[in-house]
């Protein structure tokens, strides 16, 4: 069966990465649980804060997380003379 796909070729098509929307508004299970567990006066303030945070998670924080994954830290334990330096 592996022979069947051996001649597969790649073309010019690339899939764009998914665009996140507000992560809190898309999580219906979390909203339902909070409505059930929180008193109504607390839920109002909490929902507005979580909506703002969900927007940040899908926007600036997602971009920052992606940058962190692309530029991971490297540990240099020894220099060229074999001395321990432990630089990050």
Protein backbone atom coordinates (compact mmCIF):
# COMPACT_ATOMS: atom_id res chain seq x y z
CA UNK A 1 0.00 0.00 0.00
CA UNK A 2 2.92 2.36 0.64
CA UNK A 3 3.83 1.96 -3.04
CA UNK A 4 0.57 3.63 -3.96
CA UNK A 5 1.63 6.97 -2.40
CA UNK A 6 5.32 6.88 -3.24
CA UNK A 7 4.85 8.97 -6.41
CA UNK A 8 2.73 11.63 -4.71
CA UNK A 9 3.88 15.11 -5.56
CA UNK A 10 3.51 18.36 -3.73
CA UNK A 11 2.19 21.38 -5.53
CA UNK A 12 1.93 25.08 -4.84
CA UNK A 13 -1.02 24.75 -2.49
CA UNK A 14 -0.42 25.66 1.16
CA UNK A 15 -3.04 25.80 3.86
CA UNK A 16 -3.17 28.97 5.92
CA UNK A 17 -2.98 28.60 9.66
CA UNK A 18 -6.37 28.82 11.36
CA UNK A 19 -7.51 32.25 12.52
CA UNK A 20 -8.63 32.17 16.13
CA UNK A 21 -11.60 34.21 17.16
CA UNK A 22 -12.47 35.15 20.74
CA UNK A 23 -11.61 31.96 22.61
CA UNK A 24 -14.05 32.63 25.46
CA UNK A 25 -17.01 33.27 23.17
CA UNK A 26 -16.30 30.05 21.27
CA UNK A 27 -16.18 27.91 24.43
CA UNK A 28 -19.86 27.25 25.04
CA UNK A 29 -19.19 24.58 27.67
CA UNK A 30 -17.20 27.02 29.80
CA UNK A 31 -19.88 29.71 29.49
CA UNK A 32 -22.59 27.25 30.47
CA UNK A 33 -20.65 26.04 33.49
CA UNK A 34 -19.94 29.59 34.67
CA UNK A 35 -23.60 30.57 34.31
CA UNK A 36 -24.57 27.57 36.40
CA UNK A 37 -21.94 27.97 39.13
CA UNK A 38 -21.50 31.73 39.56
CA UNK A 39 -23.99 34.08 41.19
CA UNK A 40 -25.57 36.42 38.62
CA UNK A 41 -23.91 39.58 39.97
CA UNK A 42 -20.46 37.97 39.80
CA UNK A 43 -21.12 36.38 36.41
CA UNK A 44 -21.76 39.75 34.72
CA UNK A 45 -18.39 41.21 35.69
CA UNK A 46 -16.61 37.93 35.11
CA UNK A 47 -18.07 37.47 31.61
CA UNK A 48 -16.98 40.93 30.48
CA UNK A 49 -13.44 40.33 31.77
CA UNK A 50 -13.28 36.90 30.14
CA UNK A 51 -14.54 38.30 26.82
CA UNK A 52 -11.72 40.86 26.82
CA UNK A 53 -9.19 38.20 27.81
CA UNK A 54 -10.52 35.81 25.15
CA UNK A 55 -9.99 38.50 22.53
CA UNK A 56 -6.42 39.04 23.72
CA UNK A 57 -5.77 35.28 23.69
CA UNK A 58 -6.83 35.07 20.06
CA UNK A 59 -4.91 38.19 19.07
CA UNK A 60 -1.78 39.58 20.65
CA UNK A 61 -1.12 36.66 23.01
CA UNK A 62 -1.45 34.09 20.20
CA UNK A 63 1.04 36.08 18.13
CA UNK A 64 3.44 36.31 21.08
CA UNK A 65 3.13 32.57 21.72
CA UNK A 66 3.90 31.86 18.06
CA UNK A 67 7.00 34.05 18.24
CA UNK A 68 8.15 32.19 21.37
CA UNK A 69 7.83 28.88 19.53
CA UNK A 70 9.80 30.19 16.55
CA UNK A 71 12.61 31.65 18.68
CA UNK A 72 13.18 29.13 21.43
CA UNK A 73 16.04 29.73 23.89
CA UNK A 74 19.25 27.75 23.52
CA UNK A 75 21.46 26.60 26.37
CA UNK A 76 25.23 26.86 25.98
CA UNK A 77 26.73 24.76 28.76
CA UNK A 78 30.42 24.88 27.78
CA UNK A 79 32.52 27.36 25.85
CA UNK A 80 35.17 26.47 23.27
CA UNK A 81 37.74 25.74 25.99
CA UNK A 82 35.54 23.27 27.85
CA UNK A 83 34.71 25.67 30.68
CA UNK A 84 31.23 25.58 32.13
CA UNK A 85 29.35 28.82 31.21
CA UNK A 86 25.61 27.97 31.33
CA UNK A 87 24.41 30.78 29.06
CA UNK A 88 20.82 30.90 27.87
